[in-house]
Amino acid sequence: MIEIIITNYLAENLNVPVFNEHQENEPDSFVLIDRTGGTKKNHLKTATIAFQSYAESKYKASLLNEELKQNIEKIEELPEILGVHLNSDYDYTDVQTKRYRYQAVYDINYY
């Protein structure tokens, strides 16, 4: 699964934990990865993946989001990845829990 490849890559390159689902006792700063869709055309796959950067302030969440995006742009180094394309990027603070987060959504082409 492409999510596992990306999670492992980010876990090696970010200074915060990277999860594929919410944890019971989450740290102040972490990245959550969620696959929101995908397609396959001419034997090439595309996954739409949302990366949520959580932190204790909006400013720190935005910094983590920028660090995340820099790392995602480099993920094309992996042999499984054909290309990455930023779909959208925005403040995504959770108004119910009042947790600060930013979200970057990428379309990732892979084998």
PDB file of N, CA and C in Angstrom:
ATOM      1  N   MET A   1       0.839  -1.186   0.000  1.00  0.00           N
ATOM      2  CA  MET A   1       0.000   0.000   0.000  1.00  0.00           C
ATOM      3  C   MET A   1       0.883   1.247   0.000  1.00  0.00           C
ATOM      4  N   ILE A   2       0.498   2.207  -0.809  1.00  0.00           N
ATOM      5  CA  ILE A   2       1.271   3.439  -0.942  1.00  0.00           C
ATOM      6  C   ILE A   2       1.322   4.211   0.379  1.00  0.00           C
ATOM      7  N   GLU A   3       0.273   4.109   1.183  1.00  0.00           N
ATOM      8  CA  GLU A   3       0.252   4.820   2.459  1.00  0.00           C
ATOM      9  C   GLU A   3       1.395   4.363   3.375  1.00  0.00           C
ATOM     10  N   ILE A   4       1.698   3.070   3.367  1.00  0.00           N
ATOM     11  CA  ILE A   4       2.770   2.537   4.210  1.00  0.00           C
ATOM     12  C   ILE A   4       4.124   3.050   3.735  1.00  0.00           C
ATOM     13  N   ILE A   5       4.321   3.078   2.426  1.00  0.00           N
ATOM     14  CA  ILE A   5       5.577   3.587   1.860  1.00  0.00           C
ATOM     15  C   ILE A   5       5.780   5.043   2.266  1.00  0.00           C
ATOM     16  N   ILE A   6       4.726   5.849   2.142  1.00  0.00           N
ATOM     17  CA  ILE A   6       4.815   7.273   2.479  1.00  0.00           C
ATOM     18  C   ILE A   6       5.001   7.469   3.983  1.00  0.00           C
ATOM     19  N   THR A   7       4.267   6.712   4.782  1.00  0.00           N
ATOM     20  CA  THR A   7       4.400   6.810   6.240  1.00  0.00           C
ATOM     21  C   THR A   7       5.826   6.498   6.674  1.00  0.00           C
ATOM     22  N   ASN A   8       6.390   5.429   6.147  1.00  0.00           N
ATOM     23  CA  ASN A   8       7.763   5.056   6.508  1.00  0.00           C
ATOM     24  C   ASN A   8       8.761   6.124   6.076  1.00  0.00           C
ATOM     25  N   TYR A   9       8.571   6.676   4.885  1.00  0.00           N
ATOM     26  CA  TYR A   9       9.469   7.726   4.393  1.00  0.00           C
ATOM     27  C   TYR A   9       9.417   8.952   5.307  1.00  0.00           C
ATOM     28  N   LEU A  10       8.207   9.387   5.644  1.00  0.00           N
ATOM     29  CA  LEU A  10       8.073  10.573   6.492  1.00  0.00           C
ATOM     30  C   LEU A  10       8.574  10.315   7.912  1.00  0.00           C
ATOM     31  N   ALA A  11       8.352   9.114   8.428  1.00  0.00           N
ATOM     32  CA  ALA A  11       8.830   8.779   9.775  1.00  0.00           C
ATOM     33  C   ALA A  11      10.351   8.879   9.856  1.00  0.00           C
ATOM     34  N   GLU A  12      11.026   8.581   8.760  1.00  0.00           N
ATOM     35  CA  GLU A  12      12.487   8.674   8.722  1.00  0.00           C
ATOM     36  C   GLU A  12      12.974  10.112   8.542  1.00  0.00           C
ATOM     37  N   ASN A  13      12.132  10.985   7.991  1.00  0.00           N
ATOM     38  CA  ASN A  13      12.586  12.318   7.606  1.00  0.00           C
ATOM     39  C   ASN A  13      11.992  13.472   8.408  1.00  0.00           C
ATOM     40  N   LEU A  14      10.967  13.230   9.201  1.00  0.00           N
ATOM     41  CA  LEU A  14      10.381  14.278  10.043  1.00  0.00           C
ATOM     42  C   LEU A  14      10.789  14.052  11.496  1.00  0.00           C
ATOM     43  N   ASN A  15      10.775  15.112  12.271  1.00  0.00           N
ATOM     44  CA  ASN A  15      11.126  15.020  13.691  1.00  0.00           C
ATOM     45  C   ASN A  15       9.903  14.867  14.586  1.00  0.00           C
ATOM     46  N   VAL A  16       8.778  14.480  13.995  1.00  0.00           N
ATOM     47  CA  VAL A  16       7.552  14.248  14.762  1.00  0.00           C
ATOM     48  C   VAL A  16       7.004  12.879  14.365  1.00  0.00           C
ATOM     49  N   PRO A  17       6.176  12.275  15.209  1.00  0.00           N
ATOM     50  CA  PRO A  17       5.565  10.998  14.843  1.00  0.00           C
ATOM     51  C   PRO A  17       4.627  11.148  13.647  1.00  0.00           C
ATOM     52  N   VAL A  18       4.490  10.075  12.889  1.00  0.00           N
ATOM     53  CA  VAL A  18       3.609  10.033  11.723  1.00  0.00           C
ATOM     54  C   VAL A  18       2.647   8.865  11.932  1.00  0.00           C
ATOM     55  N   PHE A  19       1.339   9.148  11.845  1.00  0.00           N
ATOM     56  CA  PHE A  19       0.319   8.128  12.085  1.00  0.00           C
ATOM     57  C   PHE A  19      -0.605   7.995  10.878  1.00  0.00           C
ATOM     58  N   ASN A  20      -1.244   6.814  10.779  1.00  0.00           N
ATOM     59  CA  ASN A  20      -2.264   6.592   9.761  1.00  0.00           C
ATOM     60  C   ASN A  20      -3.669   6.665  10.345  1.00  0.00           C
ATOM     61  N   GLU A  21      -3.748   6.769  11.668  1.00  0.00           N
ATOM     62  CA  GLU A  21      -5.028   6.971  12.341  1.00  0.00           C
ATOM     63  C   GLU A  21      -4.758   7.629  13.689  1.00  0.00           C
ATOM     64  N   HIS A  22      -5.788   8.237  14.238  1.00  0.00           N
ATOM     65  CA  HIS A  22      -5.626   8.910  15.530  1.00  0.00           C
ATOM     66  C   HIS A  22      -5.236   7.900  16.604  1.00  0.00           C
ATOM     67  N   GLN A  23      -4.412   8.372  17.540  1.00  0.00           N
ATOM     68  CA  GLN A  23      -3.942   7.558  18.652  1.00  0.00           C
ATOM     69  C   GLN A  23      -4.647   8.002  19.930  1.00  0.00           C
ATOM     70  N   GLU A  24      -4.616   7.152  20.935  1.00  0.00           N
ATOM     71  CA  GLU A  24      -5.277   7.487  22.189  1.00  0.00           C
ATOM     72  C   GLU A  24      -4.597   8.652  22.910  1.00  0.00           C
ATOM     73  N   ASN A  25      -3.299   8.596  23.060  1.00  0.00           N
ATOM     74  CA  ASN A  25      -2.547   9.657  23.741  1.00  0.00           C
ATOM     75  C   ASN A  25      -1.596  10.304  22.747  1.00  0.00           C
ATOM     76  N   GLU A  26      -2.131  11.206  21.950  1.00  0.00           N
ATOM     77  CA  GLU A  26      -1.329  11.830  20.895  1.00  0.00           C
ATOM     78  C   GLU A  26      -0.412  12.910  21.469  1.00  0.00           C
ATOM     79  N   PRO A  27       0.786  13.035  20.892  1.00  0.00           N
ATOM     80  CA  PRO A  27       1.682  14.120  21.302  1.00  0.00           C
ATOM     81  C   PRO A  27       1.142  15.465  20.809  1.00  0.00           C
ATOM     82  N   ASP A  28       1.769  16.549  21.239  1.00  0.00           N
ATOM     83  CA  ASP A  28       1.334  17.879  20.796  1.00  0.00           C
ATOM     84  C   ASP A  28       1.502  18.060  19.292  1.00  0.00           C
ATOM     85  N   SER A  29       2.604  17.538  18.751  1.00  0.00           N
ATOM     86  CA  SER A  29       2.891  17.692  17.320  1.00  0.00           C
ATOM     87  C   SER A  29       3.020  16.327  16.665  1.00  0.00           C
ATOM     88  N   PHE A  30       2.342  16.164  15.543  1.00  0.00           N
ATOM     89  CA  PHE A  30       2.421  14.926  14.777  1.00  0.00           C
ATOM     90  C   PHE A  30       1.795  15.156  13.405  1.00  0.00           C
ATOM     91  N   VAL A  31       1.979  14.186  12.521  1.00  0.00           N
ATOM     92  CA  VAL A  31       1.373  14.226  11.193  1.00  0.00           C
ATOM     93  C   VAL A  31       0.451  13.025  11.060  1.00  0.00           C
ATOM     94  N   LEU A  32      -0.740  13.268  10.524  1.00  0.00           N
ATOM     95  CA  LEU A  32      -1.724  12.223  10.276  1.00  0.00           C
ATOM     96  C   LEU A  32      -1.908  12.097   8.766  1.00  0.00           C
ATOM     97  N   ILE A  33      -1.822  10.873   8.260  1.00  0.00           N
ATOM     98  CA  ILE A  33      -1.955  10.619   6.827  1.00  0.00           C
ATOM     99  C   ILE A  33      -3.284   9.916   6.578  1.00  0.00           C
ATOM    100  N   ASP A  34      -4.036  10.397   5.571  1.00  0.00           N
ATOM    101  CA  ASP A  34      -5.329   9.802   5.238  1.00  0.00           C
ATOM    102  C   ASP A  34      -5.492   9.759   3.728  1.00  0.00           C
ATOM    103  N   ARG A  35      -5.659   8.572   3.186  1.00  0.00           N
ATOM    104  CA  ARG A  35      -5.917   8.440   1.752  1.00  0.00           C
ATOM    105  C   ARG A  35      -7.390   8.745   1.518  1.00  0.00           C
ATOM    106  N   THR A  36      -7.659   9.715   0.648  1.00  0.00           N
ATOM    107  CA  THR A  36      -9.042  10.135   0.417  1.00  0.00           C
ATOM    108  C   THR A  36      -9.596   9.652  -0.913  1.00  0.00           C
ATOM    109  N   GLY A  37      -8.752   9.059  -1.759  1.00  0.00           N
ATOM    110  CA  GLY A  37      -9.230   8.555  -3.037  1.00  0.00           C
ATOM    111  C   GLY A  37      -8.083   8.098  -3.908  1.00  0.00           C
ATOM    112  N   GLY A  38      -8.431   7.699  -5.123  1.00  0.00           N
ATOM    113  CA  GLY A  38      -7.403   7.268  -6.054  1.00  0.00           C
ATOM    114  C   GLY A  38      -7.995   6.791  -7.365  1.00  0.00           C
ATOM    115  N   THR A  39      -7.126   6.667  -8.362  1.00  0.00           N
ATOM    116  CA  THR A  39      -7.536   6.192  -9.680  1.00  0.00           C
ATOM    117  C   THR A  39      -6.436   5.306 -10.252  1.00  0.00           C
ATOM    118  N   LYS A  40      -6.775   4.640 -11.365  1.00  0.00           N
ATOM    119  CA  LYS A  40      -5.791   3.851 -12.103  1.00  0.00           C
ATOM    120  C   LYS A  40      -6.092   4.029 -13.582  1.00  0.00           C
ATOM    121  N   LYS A  41      -5.051   4.401 -14.346  1.00  0.00           N
ATOM    122  CA  LYS A  41      -5.216   4.614 -15.778  1.00  0.00           C
ATOM    123  C   LYS A  41      -3.945   4.149 -16.475  1.00  0.00           C
ATOM    124  N   ASN A  42      -4.101   3.312 -17.488  1.00  0.00           N
ATOM    125  CA  ASN A  42      -2.955   2.766 -18.228  1.00  0.00           C
ATOM    126  C   ASN A  42      -1.934   2.120 -17.296  1.00  0.00           C
ATOM    127  N   HIS A  43      -2.412   1.362 -16.329  1.00  0.00           N
ATOM    128  CA  HIS A  43      -1.584   0.630 -15.365  1.00  0.00           C
ATOM    129  C   HIS A  43      -0.827   1.532 -14.392  1.00  0.00           C
ATOM    130  N   LEU A  44      -1.079   2.829 -14.404  1.00  0.00           N
ATOM    131  CA  LEU A  44      -0.449   3.754 -13.465  1.00  0.00           C
ATOM    132  C   LEU A  44      -1.494   4.200 -12.444  1.00  0.00           C
ATOM    133  N   LYS A  45      -1.097   4.222 -11.195  1.00  0.00           N
ATOM    134  CA  LYS A  45      -2.020   4.543 -10.113  1.00  0.00           C
ATOM    135  C   LYS A  45      -1.780   5.960  -9.597  1.00  0.00           C
ATOM    136  N   THR A  46      -2.856   6.576  -9.140  1.00  0.00           N
ATOM    137  CA  THR A  46      -2.782   7.875  -8.477  1.00  0.00           C
ATOM    138  C   THR A  46      -3.560   7.781  -7.171  1.00  0.00           C
ATOM    139  N   ALA A  47      -2.937   8.205  -6.092  1.00  0.00           N
ATOM    140  CA  ALA A  47      -3.602   8.260  -4.790  1.00  0.00           C
ATOM    141  C   ALA A  47      -3.727   9.719  -4.374  1.00  0.00           C
ATOM    142  N   THR A  48      -4.896  10.096  -3.895  1.00  0.00           N
ATOM    143  CA  THR A  48      -5.082  11.416  -3.305  1.00  0.00           C
ATOM    144  C   THR A  48      -4.937  11.237  -1.799  1.00  0.00           C
ATOM    145  N   ILE A  49      -3.949  11.928  -1.242  1.00  0.00           N
ATOM    146  CA  ILE A  49      -3.625  11.734   0.169  1.00  0.00           C
ATOM    147  C   ILE A  49      -3.615  13.075   0.890  1.00  0.00           C
ATOM    148  N   ALA A  50      -4.326  13.111   2.024  1.00  0.00           N
ATOM    149  CA  ALA A  50      -4.368  14.303   2.874  1.00  0.00           C
ATOM    150  C   ALA A  50      -3.374  14.121   4.013  1.00  0.00           C
ATOM    151  N   PHE A  51      -2.537  15.136   4.201  1.00  0.00           N
ATOM    152  CA  PHE A  51      -1.552  15.151   5.275  1.00  0.00           C
ATOM    153  C   PHE A  51      -1.960  16.245   6.249  1.00  0.00           C
ATOM    154  N   GLN A  52      -2.284  15.863   7.477  1.00  0.00           N
ATOM    155  CA  GLN A  52      -2.684  16.837   8.489  1.00  0.00           C
ATOM    156  C   GLN A  52      -1.548  17.020   9.485  1.00  0.00           C
ATOM    157  N   SER A  53      -1.080  18.257   9.598  1.00  0.00           N
ATOM    158  CA  SER A  53       0.025  18.607  10.498  1.00  0.00           C
ATOM    159  C   SER A  53      -0.547  19.244  11.755  1.00  0.00           C
ATOM    160  N   TYR A  54      -0.436  18.550  12.880  1.00  0.00           N
ATOM    161  CA  TYR A  54      -0.949  19.024  14.164  1.00  0.00           C
ATOM    162  C   TYR A  54       0.179  19.629  14.994  1.00  0.00           C
ATOM    163  N   ALA A  55      -0.124  20.693  15.722  1.00  0.00           N
ATOM    164  CA  ALA A  55       0.844  21.288  16.650  1.00  0.00           C
ATOM    165  C   ALA A  55       0.085  22.101  17.700  1.00  0.00           C
ATOM    166  N   GLU A  56       0.824  22.565  18.717  1.00  0.00           N
ATOM    167  CA  GLU A  56       0.183  23.259  19.838  1.00  0.00           C
ATOM    168  C   GLU A  56      -0.188  24.704  19.544  1.00  0.00           C
ATOM    169  N   SER A  57       0.241  25.248  18.412  1.00  0.00           N
ATOM    170  CA  SER A  57      -0.180  26.590  17.998  1.00  0.00           C
ATOM    171  C   SER A  57      -0.380  26.592  16.484  1.00  0.00           C
ATOM    172  N   LYS A  58      -1.132  27.566  16.010  1.00  0.00           N
ATOM    173  CA  LYS A  58      -1.357  27.664  14.569  1.00  0.00           C
ATOM    174  C   LYS A  58      -0.042  27.902  13.835  1.00  0.00           C
ATOM    175  N   TYR A  59       0.808  28.725  14.420  1.00  0.00           N
ATOM    176  CA  TYR A  59       2.106  29.018  13.813  1.00  0.00           C
ATOM    177  C   TYR A  59       2.952  27.745  13.693  1.00  0.00           C
ATOM    178  N   LYS A  60       3.029  26.965  14.770  1.00  0.00           N
ATOM    179  CA  LYS A  60       3.826  25.734  14.736  1.00  0.00           C
ATOM    180  C   LYS A  60       3.221  24.703  13.785  1.00  0.00           C
ATOM    181  N   ALA A  61       1.905  24.673  13.687  1.00  0.00           N
ATOM    182  CA  ALA A  61       1.263  23.769  12.726  1.00  0.00           C
ATOM    183  C   ALA A  61       1.608  24.177  11.298  1.00  0.00           C
ATOM    184  N   SER A  62       1.659  25.487  11.043  1.00  0.00           N
ATOM    185  CA  SER A  62       2.017  25.949   9.693  1.00  0.00           C
ATOM    186  C   SER A  62       3.474  25.628   9.372  1.00  0.00           C
ATOM    187  N   LEU A  63       4.372  25.745  10.361  1.00  0.00           N
ATOM    188  CA  LEU A  63       5.778  25.384  10.148  1.00  0.00           C
ATOM    189  C   LEU A  63       5.929  23.893   9.865  1.00  0.00           C
ATOM    190  N   LEU A  64       5.217  23.070  10.618  1.00  0.00           N
ATOM    191  CA  LEU A  64       5.265  21.631  10.390  1.00  0.00           C
ATOM    192  C   LEU A  64       4.707  21.291   9.012  1.00  0.00           C
ATOM    193  N   ASN A  65       3.661  21.987   8.607  1.00  0.00           N
ATOM    194  CA  ASN A  65       3.085  21.783   7.278  1.00  0.00           C
ATOM    195  C   ASN A  65       4.109  22.096   6.188  1.00  0.00           C
ATOM    196  N   GLU A  66       4.857  23.174   6.357  1.00  0.00           N
ATOM    197  CA  GLU A  66       5.887  23.528   5.365  1.00  0.00           C
ATOM    198  C   GLU A  66       7.000  22.481   5.326  1.00  0.00           C
ATOM    199  N   GLU A  67       7.405  21.998   6.494  1.00  0.00           N
ATOM    200  CA  GLU A  67       8.427  20.945   6.545  1.00  0.00           C
ATOM    201  C   GLU A  67       7.916  19.669   5.869  1.00  0.00           C
ATOM    202  N   LEU A  68       6.666  19.343   6.125  1.00  0.00           N
ATOM    203  CA  LEU A  68       6.045  18.181   5.492  1.00  0.00           C
ATOM    204  C   LEU A  68       6.061  18.320   3.974  1.00  0.00           C
ATOM    205  N   LYS A  69       5.647  19.485   3.471  1.00  0.00           N
ATOM    206  CA  LYS A  69       5.590  19.690   2.018  1.00  0.00           C
ATOM    207  C   LYS A  69       6.971  19.576   1.383  1.00  0.00           C
ATOM    208  N   GLN A  70       7.992  20.090   2.053  1.00  0.00           N
ATOM    209  CA  GLN A  70       9.356  19.958   1.527  1.00  0.00           C
ATOM    210  C   GLN A  70       9.745  18.488   1.403  1.00  0.00           C
ATOM    211  N   ASN A  71       9.355  17.689   2.377  1.00  0.00           N
ATOM    212  CA  ASN A  71       9.670  16.263   2.339  1.00  0.00           C
ATOM    213  C   ASN A  71       8.852  15.521   1.290  1.00  0.00           C
ATOM    214  N   ILE A  72       7.594  15.891   1.131  1.00  0.00           N
ATOM    215  CA  ILE A  72       6.770  15.231   0.114  1.00  0.00           C
ATOM    216  C   ILE A  72       7.309  15.532  -1.280  1.00  0.00           C
ATOM    217  N   GLU A  73       7.795  16.743  -1.493  1.00  0.00           N
ATOM    218  CA  GLU A  73       8.375  17.078  -2.803  1.00  0.00           C
ATOM    219  C   GLU A  73       9.602  16.214  -3.110  1.00  0.00           C
ATOM    220  N   LYS A  74      10.288  15.735  -2.077  1.00  0.00           N
ATOM    221  CA  LYS A  74      11.481  14.898  -2.265  1.00  0.00           C
ATOM    222  C   LYS A  74      11.156  13.411  -2.381  1.00  0.00           C
ATOM    223  N   ILE A  75       9.906  13.044  -2.153  1.00  0.00           N
ATOM    224  CA  ILE A  75       9.546  11.624  -2.115  1.00  0.00           C
ATOM    225  C   ILE A  75       9.659  10.955  -3.492  1.00  0.00           C
ATOM    226  N   GLU A  76       9.764  11.778  -4.527  1.00  0.00           N
ATOM    227  CA  GLU A  76       9.951  11.225  -5.873  1.00  0.00           C
ATOM    228  C   GLU A  76      11.261  10.449  -5.990  1.00  0.00           C
ATOM    229  N   GLU A  77      12.151  10.594  -5.002  1.00  0.00           N
ATOM    230  CA  GLU A  77      13.398   9.831  -4.978  1.00  0.00           C
ATOM    231  C   GLU A  77      13.133   8.335  -4.857  1.00  0.00           C
ATOM    232  N   LEU A  78      11.998   7.966  -4.276  1.00  0.00           N
ATOM    233  CA  LEU A  78      11.679   6.553  -4.098  1.00  0.00           C
ATOM    234  C   LEU A  78      11.321   5.918  -5.437  1.00  0.00           C
ATOM    235  N   PRO A  79      11.755   4.688  -5.672  1.00  0.00           N
ATOM    236  CA  PRO A  79      11.503   4.053  -6.971  1.00  0.00           C
ATOM    237  C   PRO A  79      10.023   3.800  -7.262  1.00  0.00           C
ATOM    238  N   GLU A  80       9.186   3.703  -6.230  1.00  0.00           N
ATOM    239  CA  GLU A  80       7.754   3.446  -6.432  1.00  0.00           C
ATOM    240  C   GLU A  80       6.976   4.690  -6.840  1.00  0.00           C
ATOM    241  N   ILE A  81       7.552   5.868  -6.621  1.00  0.00           N
ATOM    242  CA  ILE A  81       6.845   7.131  -6.834  1.00  0.00           C
ATOM    243  C   ILE A  81       7.209   7.725  -8.187  1.00  0.00           C
ATOM    244  N   LEU A  82       6.190   8.048  -8.978  1.00  0.00           N
ATOM    245  CA  LEU A  82       6.400   8.655 -10.296  1.00  0.00           C
ATOM    246  C   LEU A  82       6.319  10.171 -10.255  1.00  0.00           C
ATOM    247  N   GLY A  83       5.470  10.717  -9.389  1.00  0.00           N
ATOM    248  CA  GLY A  83       5.312  12.164  -9.325  1.00  0.00           C
ATOM    249  C   GLY A  83       4.397  12.560  -8.186  1.00  0.00           C
ATOM    250  N   VAL A  84       4.560  13.797  -7.723  1.00  0.00           N
ATOM    251  CA  VAL A  84       3.699  14.350  -6.679  1.00  0.00           C
ATOM    252  C   VAL A  84       3.196  15.714  -7.133  1.00  0.00           C
ATOM    253  N   HIS A  85       1.935  15.985  -6.855  1.00  0.00           N
ATOM    254  CA  HIS A  85       1.307  17.230  -7.299  1.00  0.00           C
ATOM    255  C   HIS A  85       0.456  17.774  -6.155  1.00  0.00           C
ATOM    256  N   LEU A  86       0.786  18.977  -5.692  1.00  0.00           N
ATOM    257  CA  LEU A  86       0.016  19.603  -4.618  1.00  0.00           C
ATOM    258  C   LEU A  86      -1.368  19.955  -5.142  1.00  0.00           C
ATOM    259  N   ASN A  87      -2.379  19.408  -4.508  1.00  0.00           N
ATOM    260  CA  ASN A  87      -3.767  19.626  -4.888  1.00  0.00           C
ATOM    261  C   ASN A  87      -4.313  20.849  -4.158  1.00  0.00           C
ATOM    262  N   SER A  88      -4.098  20.910  -2.826  1.00  0.00           N
ATOM    263  CA  SER A  88      -4.532  22.051  -2.019  1.00  0.00           C
ATOM    264  C   SER A  88      -3.761  22.071  -0.706  1.00  0.00           C
ATOM    265  N   ASP A  89      -3.791  23.229  -0.051  1.00  0.00           N
ATOM    266  CA  ASP A  89      -2.991  23.448   1.150  1.00  0.00           C
ATOM    267  C   ASP A  89      -3.668  24.562   1.949  1.00  0.00           C
ATOM    268  N   TYR A  90      -4.064  24.276   3.205  1.00  0.00           N
ATOM    269  CA  TYR A  90      -4.835  25.280   3.934  1.00  0.00           C
ATOM    270  C   TYR A  90      -4.845  25.028   5.441  1.00  0.00           C
ATOM    271  N   ASP A  91      -5.212  26.076   6.187  1.00  0.00           N
ATOM    272  CA  ASP A  91      -5.437  25.981   7.629  1.00  0.00           C
ATOM    273  C   ASP A  91      -6.670  25.107   7.833  1.00  0.00           C
ATOM    274  N   TYR A  92      -6.543  24.103   8.674  1.00  0.00           N
ATOM    275  CA  TYR A  92      -7.628  23.140   8.879  1.00  0.00           C
ATOM    276  C   TYR A  92      -7.853  22.915  10.375  1.00  0.00           C
ATOM    277  N   THR A  93      -7.810  24.008  11.144  1.00  0.00           N
ATOM    278  CA  THR A  93      -7.986  23.925  12.592  1.00  0.00           C
ATOM    279  C   THR A  93      -9.316  23.251  12.913  1.00  0.00           C
ATOM    280  N   ASP A  94      -9.273  22.298  13.820  1.00  0.00           N
ATOM    281  CA  ASP A  94     -10.467  21.564  14.229  1.00  0.00           C
ATOM    282  C   ASP A  94     -11.246  22.430  15.214  1.00  0.00           C
ATOM    283  N   VAL A  95     -12.379  22.944  14.790  1.00  0.00           N
ATOM    284  CA  VAL A  95     -13.143  23.872  15.628  1.00  0.00           C
ATOM    285  C   VAL A  95     -13.812  23.177  16.808  1.00  0.00           C
ATOM    286  N   GLN A  96     -14.078  21.876  16.695  1.00  0.00           N
ATOM    287  CA  GLN A  96     -14.701  21.161  17.807  1.00  0.00           C
ATOM    288  C   GLN A  96     -13.711  20.893  18.932  1.00  0.00           C
ATOM    289  N   THR A  97     -12.524  20.412  18.586  1.00  0.00           N
ATOM    290  CA  THR A  97     -11.529  20.094  19.619  1.00  0.00           C
ATOM    291  C   THR A  97     -10.579  21.258  19.875  1.00  0.00           C
ATOM    292  N   LYS A  98     -10.626  22.269  19.010  1.00  0.00           N
ATOM    293  CA  LYS A  98      -9.747  23.441  19.078  1.00  0.00           C
ATOM    294  C   LYS A  98      -8.269  23.047  18.996  1.00  0.00           C
ATOM    295  N   ARG A  99      -7.996  22.038  18.176  1.00  0.00           N
ATOM    296  CA  ARG A  99      -6.616  21.618  17.926  1.00  0.00           C
ATOM    297  C   ARG A  99      -6.164  22.253  16.627  1.00  0.00           C
ATOM    298  N   TYR A 100      -4.969  22.820  16.658  1.00  0.00           N
ATOM    299  CA  TYR A 100      -4.429  23.495  15.481  1.00  0.00           C
ATOM    300  C   TYR A 100      -3.854  22.474  14.510  1.00  0.00           C
ATOM    301  N   ARG A 101      -4.223  22.630  13.242  1.00  0.00           N
ATOM    302  CA  ARG A 101      -3.683  21.756  12.207  1.00  0.00           C
ATOM    303  C   ARG A 101      -3.752  22.456  10.857  1.00  0.00           C
ATOM    304  N   TYR A 102      -2.860  22.063   9.991  1.00  0.00           N
ATOM    305  CA  TYR A 102      -2.885  22.459   8.590  1.00  0.00           C
ATOM    306  C   TYR A 102      -3.040  21.194   7.778  1.00  0.00           C
ATOM    307  N   GLN A 103      -3.616  21.331   6.594  1.00  0.00           N
ATOM    308  CA  GLN A 103      -3.778  20.168   5.727  1.00  0.00           C
ATOM    309  C   GLN A 103      -3.220  20.464   4.349  1.00  0.00           C
ATOM    310  N   ALA A 104      -2.397  19.543   3.863  1.00  0.00           N
ATOM    311  CA  ALA A 104      -1.885  19.584   2.495  1.00  0.00           C
ATOM    312  C   ALA A 104      -2.387  18.321   1.806  1.00  0.00           C
ATOM    313  N   VAL A 105      -3.008  18.492   0.653  1.00  0.00           N
ATOM    314  CA  VAL A 105      -3.548  17.359  -0.100  1.00  0.00           C
ATOM    315  C   VAL A 105      -2.736  17.208  -1.376  1.00  0.00           C
ATOM    316  N   TYR A 106      -2.243  15.997  -1.590  1.00  0.00           N
ATOM    317  CA  TYR A 106      -1.420  15.706  -2.763  1.00  0.00           C
ATOM    318  C   TYR A 106      -2.035  14.596  -3.590  1.00  0.00           C
ATOM    319  N   ASP A 107      -1.833  14.697  -4.904  1.00  0.00           N
ATOM    320  CA  ASP A 107      -2.084  13.590  -5.816  1.00  0.00           C
ATOM    321  C   ASP A 107      -0.719  12.972  -6.083  1.00  0.00           C
ATOM    322  N   ILE A 108      -0.582  11.695  -5.766  1.00  0.00           N
ATOM    323  CA  ILE A 108       0.704  11.011  -5.873  1.00  0.00           C
ATOM    324  C   ILE A 108       0.582   9.887  -6.890  1.00  0.00           C
ATOM    325  N   ASN A 109       1.395   9.967  -7.935  1.00  0.00           N
ATOM    326  CA  ASN A 109       1.435   8.932  -8.968  1.00  0.00           C
ATOM    327  C   ASN A 109       2.464   7.885  -8.559  1.00  0.00           C
ATOM    328  N   TYR A 110       2.087   6.608  -8.695  1.00  0.00           N
ATOM    329  CA  TYR A 110       2.988   5.538  -8.255  1.00  0.00           C
ATOM    330  C   TYR A 110       2.729   4.260  -9.049  1.00  0.00           C
ATOM    331  N   TYR A 111       3.667   3.319  -8.920  1.00  0.00           N
ATOM    332  CA  TYR A 111       3.528   2.001  -9.564  1.00  0.00           C
ATOM    333  C   TYR A 111       2.752   1.073  -8.677  1.00  0.00           C
TER     334      TYR A 111
END
